[in-house]
Protein backbone atom coordinates (compact mmCIF):
# COMPACT_ATOMS: atom_id res chain seq x y z
CA MET A 1 0.00 0.00 0.00
CA MET A 2 2.84 2.40 0.73
CA LYS A 3 4.23 1.94 -2.76
CA LYS A 4 0.87 2.81 -4.30
CA GLN A 5 0.54 5.99 -2.22
CA LEU A 6 4.08 7.19 -2.80
CA PRO A 7 3.85 7.59 -6.58
CA LYS A 8 0.45 9.18 -6.15
CA GLU A 9 1.85 11.73 -3.67
CA LYS A 10 4.80 12.51 -5.93
CA HIS A 11 2.47 13.02 -8.83
CA SER A 12 0.22 15.37 -6.92
CA LEU A 13 3.24 17.21 -5.53
CA LYS A 14 4.59 17.61 -9.06
CA ASP A 15 1.20 18.83 -10.24
CA ASP A 16 1.03 21.27 -7.35
CA LEU A 17 4.51 22.59 -8.14
CA GLU A 18 3.64 22.96 -11.82
CA GLU A 19 0.41 24.77 -10.98
CA ASP A 20 2.22 27.02 -8.50
CA LEU A 21 4.94 27.77 -11.05
CA LYS A 22 2.37 28.42 -13.74
CA ALA A 23 0.45 30.79 -11.45
CA LYS A 24 3.65 32.65 -10.56
CA LEU A 25 4.63 32.98 -14.22
CA LEU A 26 1.19 34.27 -15.13
CA GLN A 27 1.38 36.77 -12.27
CA MET A 28 4.83 37.93 -13.42
CA LYS A 29 3.54 38.28 -16.97
CA SER A 30 0.63 40.34 -15.73
CA GLU A 31 2.88 42.56 -13.61
CA LEU A 32 5.33 43.09 -16.48
CA LYS A 33 2.46 43.98 -18.79
CA GLU A 34 1.13 46.51 -16.26
CA GLU A 35 4.61 47.98 -15.81
CA ASP A 36 5.05 48.26 -19.58
CA GLU A 37 1.66 49.96 -19.92
CA LYS A 38 2.59 52.42 -17.16
CA LYS A 39 5.90 53.22 -18.88
CA GLN A 40 4.14 53.76 -22.20
CA ALA A 41 1.57 56.03 -20.53
CA GLN A 42 4.34 58.03 -18.85
CA LYS A 43 6.23 58.30 -22.13
CA LYS A 44 3.10 59.48 -23.91
CA ALA A 45 2.38 62.03 -21.16
CA GLU A 46 5.99 63.28 -21.36
CA GLN A 47 5.72 63.68 -25.14
CA ILE A 48 2.47 65.63 -24.74
CA ARG A 49 4.05 67.81 -22.05
CA LYS A 50 7.09 68.51 -24.25
CA ARG A 51 4.87 69.31 -27.23
CA LYS A 52 2.82 71.74 -25.12
CA GLU A 53 6.00 73.33 -23.79
CA ILE A 54 7.34 73.80 -27.33
CA GLU A 55 4.03 75.27 -28.47
CA LYS A 56 3.96 77.57 -25.45
CA ASN A 57 7.50 78.73 -26.14
CA LYS A 58 6.75 79.30 -29.80
CA SER A 59 3.71 81.34 -28.95
CA PHE A 60 5.70 83.32 -26.41
CA GLU A 61 8.44 84.00 -28.95
CA GLU A 62 5.87 85.13 -31.50
CA LEU A 63 4.20 87.40 -28.96
CA LEU A 64 7.57 88.80 -27.94
CA ASN A 65 8.48 89.50 -31.55
CA GLU A 66 5.12 91.13 -32.16
CA SER A 67 5.36 93.26 -29.05
CA SER A 68 8.89 94.38 -29.89
CA LEU A 69 7.70 95.44 -33.35
CA ASP A 70 4.83 97.31 -31.76
CA TRP A 71 7.21 98.79 -29.23
CA HIS A 72 9.35 100.23 -32.02
CA LYS A 73 6.29 101.72 -33.71
CA TYR A 74 5.22 103.56 -30.57
CA LYS A 75 8.66 104.59 -29.38
């Protein structure tokens, strides 16, 4: 009877280890996917921020140029 139980226990232990490993790998995959999505969102937000900054600076330069021209007219 012991010999019959031993292989059965090893098999279930192996199955348990495989299931545990599979669950851990799936969790790691999920975490890496979330991390990648966060990085992409941050990168996108940074690009938007830079674009807005460039647009703001361009507008400021244009306004400055316009005001200096006006300043010369009224001097």
